[in-house]
Amino acid sequence: MALADSAALKGAGAPNPVNVEVAVGMAPRLVSRRNVVLAAGATVREALKASGLLDQPGGPTWDLIASGQWFVGLWGRRTELDHVLRERDRIELYRGLQVDPKEARRVRYRVNGDKRPKWGQRKS
């Protein structure tokens, strides 16, 4: 867990710290997650910096996010890096699609045909 100076966050009169989760799909079926504690009013950008997930080899970088090859989201919806976080938010980084899913389905059908059993029929 990454902590942003918890002693400073608990100072007298300071707003409560914000606990968020940052998740990155580094590869198919491989998700890296980090819990981060930040000061109230922190942004998505600050949470990404504190998580350290952008420093891993083969993962997203600030340049890839800026170029649109990776996207930032909050609970499955795209968001901006300047979005102010709330308690228990989940920040997600998504890779861009390599292939359009509809086109991939069409190609599979052309190659394999319809080999699935029909409803009510048994495979012999």
C-alpha atoms as a PDB file:
ATOM      1  CA  MET A   1       0.000   0.000   0.000  1.00  0.00           C
ATOM      2  CA  ALA A   2       1.378   3.394  -0.948  1.00  0.00           C
ATOM      3  CA  LEU A   3       0.898   6.031   1.728  1.00  0.00           C
ATOM      4  CA  ALA A   4       1.295   9.729   1.052  1.00  0.00           C
ATOM      5  CA  ASP A   5       2.756  10.786   4.440  1.00  0.00           C
ATOM      6  CA  SER A   6      -0.051   9.542   6.669  1.00  0.00           C
ATOM      7  CA  ALA A   7       1.123  11.706   9.571  1.00  0.00           C
ATOM      8  CA  ALA A   8       0.572  14.873   7.522  1.00  0.00           C
ATOM      9  CA  LEU A   9      -2.826  13.591   6.350  1.00  0.00           C
ATOM     10  CA  LYS A  10      -4.038  13.082   9.946  1.00  0.00           C
ATOM     11  CA  GLY A  11      -3.077  16.572  11.101  1.00  0.00           C
ATOM     12  CA  ALA A  12      -5.487  18.599  13.208  1.00  0.00           C
ATOM     13  CA  GLY A  13      -8.288  20.098  11.171  1.00  0.00           C
ATOM     14  CA  ALA A  14      -7.177  18.356   7.962  1.00  0.00           C
ATOM     15  CA  PRO A  15      -9.907  16.675   5.901  1.00  0.00           C
ATOM     16  CA  ASN A  16     -10.004  12.893   5.964  1.00  0.00           C
ATOM     17  CA  PRO A  17      -7.622  11.128   3.583  1.00  0.00           C
ATOM     18  CA  VAL A  18      -9.039   9.405   0.504  1.00  0.00           C
ATOM     19  CA  ASN A  19      -8.492   5.669  -0.047  1.00  0.00           C
ATOM     20  CA  VAL A  20      -8.545   4.649  -3.721  1.00  0.00           C
ATOM     21  CA  GLU A  21      -7.565   1.606  -5.762  1.00  0.00           C
ATOM     22  CA  VAL A  22      -5.572   1.795  -8.993  1.00  0.00           C
ATOM     23  CA  ALA A  23      -5.860  -1.167 -11.391  1.00  0.00           C
ATOM     24  CA  VAL A  24      -3.954  -1.793 -14.634  1.00  0.00           C
ATOM     25  CA  GLY A  25      -4.411  -4.666 -17.094  1.00  0.00           C
ATOM     26  CA  MET A  26      -0.752  -5.227 -17.934  1.00  0.00           C
ATOM     27  CA  ALA A  27      -1.516  -8.195 -20.206  1.00  0.00           C
ATOM     28  CA  PRO A  28      -4.552 -10.385 -20.902  1.00  0.00           C
ATOM     29  CA  ARG A  29      -5.724 -11.898 -17.598  1.00  0.00           C
ATOM     30  CA  LEU A  30      -2.987 -10.103 -15.641  1.00  0.00           C
ATOM     31  CA  VAL A  31      -4.197  -7.195 -13.499  1.00  0.00           C
ATOM     32  CA  SER A  32      -1.954  -5.216 -11.150  1.00  0.00           C
ATOM     33  CA  ARG A  33      -3.711  -3.395  -8.306  1.00  0.00           C
ATOM     34  CA  ARG A  34      -2.497  -0.922  -5.719  1.00  0.00           C
ATOM     35  CA  ASN A  35      -4.331   0.721  -2.839  1.00  0.00           C
ATOM     36  CA  VAL A  36      -3.314   4.335  -2.361  1.00  0.00           C
ATOM     37  CA  VAL A  37      -4.080   6.805   0.446  1.00  0.00           C
ATOM     38  CA  LEU A  38      -4.101  10.442  -0.661  1.00  0.00           C
ATOM     39  CA  ALA A  39      -5.057  13.816   0.766  1.00  0.00           C
ATOM     40  CA  ALA A  40      -8.642  14.954   0.249  1.00  0.00           C
ATOM     41  CA  GLY A  41      -9.013  16.753  -3.081  1.00  0.00           C
ATOM     42  CA  ALA A  42      -6.429  14.563  -4.832  1.00  0.00           C
ATOM     43  CA  THR A  43      -6.806  13.931  -8.562  1.00  0.00           C
ATOM     44  CA  VAL A  44      -6.542  10.869 -10.779  1.00  0.00           C
ATOM     45  CA  ARG A  45      -3.104  12.073 -11.934  1.00  0.00           C
ATOM     46  CA  GLU A  46      -1.838  12.196  -8.318  1.00  0.00           C
ATOM     47  CA  ALA A  47      -3.169   8.699  -7.605  1.00  0.00           C
ATOM     48  CA  LEU A  48      -1.427   7.289 -10.693  1.00  0.00           C
ATOM     49  CA  LYS A  49       1.861   8.891  -9.618  1.00  0.00           C
ATOM     50  CA  ALA A  50       1.522   7.572  -6.053  1.00  0.00           C
ATOM     51  CA  SER A  51       0.661   4.038  -7.198  1.00  0.00           C
ATOM     52  CA  GLY A  52       3.932   3.552  -9.084  1.00  0.00           C
ATOM     53  CA  LEU A  53       2.151   1.439 -11.718  1.00  0.00           C
ATOM     54  CA  LEU A  54       3.249   3.741 -14.545  1.00  0.00           C
ATOM     55  CA  ASP A  55       6.894   2.952 -13.768  1.00  0.00           C
ATOM     56  CA  GLN A  56       6.635  -0.769 -14.554  1.00  0.00           C
ATOM     57  CA  PRO A  57       8.237  -2.086 -17.759  1.00  0.00           C
ATOM     58  CA  GLY A  58       5.780  -3.047 -20.484  1.00  0.00           C
ATOM     59  CA  GLY A  59       2.984  -1.103 -18.857  1.00  0.00           C
ATOM     60  CA  PRO A  60       1.375   2.242 -19.561  1.00  0.00           C
ATOM     61  CA  THR A  61       3.349   5.478 -19.508  1.00  0.00           C
ATOM     62  CA  TRP A  62       2.307   9.108 -19.482  1.00  0.00           C
ATOM     63  CA  ASP A  63       3.219   9.322 -23.196  1.00  0.00           C
ATOM     64  CA  LEU A  64       1.014   6.322 -24.086  1.00  0.00           C
ATOM     65  CA  ILE A  65      -1.900   7.821 -22.149  1.00  0.00           C
ATOM     66  CA  ALA A  66      -1.434  11.182 -23.896  1.00  0.00           C
ATOM     67  CA  SER A  67      -1.280   9.505 -27.324  1.00  0.00           C
ATOM     68  CA  GLY A  68      -4.509   7.577 -26.732  1.00  0.00           C
ATOM     69  CA  GLN A  69      -2.999   4.078 -26.722  1.00  0.00           C
ATOM     70  CA  TRP A  70      -4.036   3.712 -23.056  1.00  0.00           C
ATOM     71  CA  PHE A  71      -7.157   5.194 -21.452  1.00  0.00           C
ATOM     72  CA  VAL A  72      -7.968   6.205 -17.882  1.00  0.00           C
ATOM     73  CA  GLY A  73     -11.299   5.349 -16.322  1.00  0.00           C
ATOM     74  CA  LEU A  74     -13.125   5.510 -13.025  1.00  0.00           C
ATOM     75  CA  TRP A  75     -15.365   2.526 -12.276  1.00  0.00           C
ATOM     76  CA  GLY A  76     -15.499   1.500 -15.952  1.00  0.00           C
ATOM     77  CA  ARG A  77     -16.143   4.954 -17.406  1.00  0.00           C
ATOM     78  CA  ARG A  78     -13.544   7.151 -19.041  1.00  0.00           C
ATOM     79  CA  THR A  79     -12.395  10.111 -17.003  1.00  0.00           C
ATOM     80  CA  GLU A  80      -9.892  12.946 -17.134  1.00  0.00           C
ATOM     81  CA  LEU A  81      -6.604  13.061 -15.231  1.00  0.00           C
ATOM     82  CA  ASP A  82      -7.779  16.186 -13.364  1.00  0.00           C
ATOM     83  CA  HIS A  83     -10.897  14.488 -11.937  1.00  0.00           C
ATOM     84  CA  VAL A  84     -11.085  14.899  -8.131  1.00  0.00           C
ATOM     85  CA  LEU A  85     -11.289  11.553  -6.340  1.00  0.00           C
ATOM     86  CA  ARG A  86     -13.729  10.417  -3.677  1.00  0.00           C
ATOM     87  CA  GLU A  87     -13.378   7.764  -0.999  1.00  0.00           C
ATOM     88  CA  ARG A  88     -13.144   4.182  -2.383  1.00  0.00           C
ATOM     89  CA  ASP A  89     -12.902   5.213  -6.050  1.00  0.00           C
ATOM     90  CA  ARG A  90     -11.339   2.685  -8.429  1.00  0.00           C
ATOM     91  CA  ILE A  91      -9.072   4.088 -11.139  1.00  0.00           C
ATOM     92  CA  GLU A  92      -8.556   1.802 -14.123  1.00  0.00           C
ATOM     93  CA  LEU A  93      -6.117   1.962 -17.021  1.00  0.00           C
ATOM     94  CA  TYR A  94      -7.243   0.302 -20.250  1.00  0.00           C
ATOM     95  CA  ARG A  95      -5.272  -0.723 -23.324  1.00  0.00           C
ATOM     96  CA  GLY A  96      -6.742   0.217 -26.679  1.00  0.00           C
ATOM     97  CA  LEU A  97      -8.385  -2.595 -28.643  1.00  0.00           C
ATOM     98  CA  GLN A  98      -6.071  -4.310 -31.133  1.00  0.00           C
ATOM     99  CA  VAL A  99      -8.952  -5.774 -33.175  1.00  0.00           C
ATOM    100  CA  ASP A 100     -12.570  -4.740 -33.544  1.00  0.00           C
ATOM    101  CA  PRO A 101     -14.585  -7.500 -31.772  1.00  0.00           C
ATOM    102  CA  LYS A 102     -17.286  -7.540 -34.478  1.00  0.00           C
ATOM    103  CA  GLU A 103     -14.718  -7.980 -37.231  1.00  0.00           C
ATOM    104  CA  ALA A 104     -12.954 -10.750 -35.278  1.00  0.00           C
ATOM    105  CA  ARG A 105     -16.287 -12.594 -34.994  1.00  0.00           C
ATOM    106  CA  ARG A 106     -16.887 -12.259 -38.750  1.00  0.00           C
ATOM    107  CA  VAL A 107     -13.425 -13.648 -39.533  1.00  0.00           C
ATOM    108  CA  ARG A 108     -13.904 -16.602 -37.168  1.00  0.00           C
ATOM    109  CA  TYR A 109     -17.246 -17.387 -38.815  1.00  0.00           C
ATOM    110  CA  ARG A 110     -15.718 -17.275 -42.320  1.00  0.00           C
ATOM    111  CA  VAL A 111     -12.920 -19.623 -41.260  1.00  0.00           C
ATOM    112  CA  ASN A 112     -14.852 -22.060 -39.060  1.00  0.00           C
ATOM    113  CA  GLY A 113     -18.415 -21.711 -40.278  1.00  0.00           C
ATOM    114  CA  ASP A 114     -21.239 -22.307 -37.848  1.00  0.00           C
ATOM    115  CA  LYS A 115     -19.975 -25.336 -35.930  1.00  0.00           C
ATOM    116  CA  ARG A 116     -22.063 -24.803 -32.827  1.00  0.00           C
ATOM    117  CA  PRO A 117     -24.993 -27.191 -32.250  1.00  0.00           C
ATOM    118  CA  LYS A 118     -28.448 -25.790 -32.980  1.00  0.00           C
ATOM    119  CA  TRP A 119     -30.935 -25.431 -30.147  1.00  0.00           C
ATOM    120  CA  GLY A 120     -32.810 -28.668 -29.577  1.00  0.00           C
ATOM    121  CA  GLN A 121     -30.377 -30.749 -31.628  1.00  0.00           C
ATOM    122  CA  ARG A 122     -27.785 -33.086 -30.251  1.00  0.00           C
ATOM    123  CA  LYS A 123     -24.334 -33.520 -31.629  1.00  0.00           C
ATOM    124  CA  SER A 124     -23.879 -37.007 -33.040  1.00  0.00           C
END
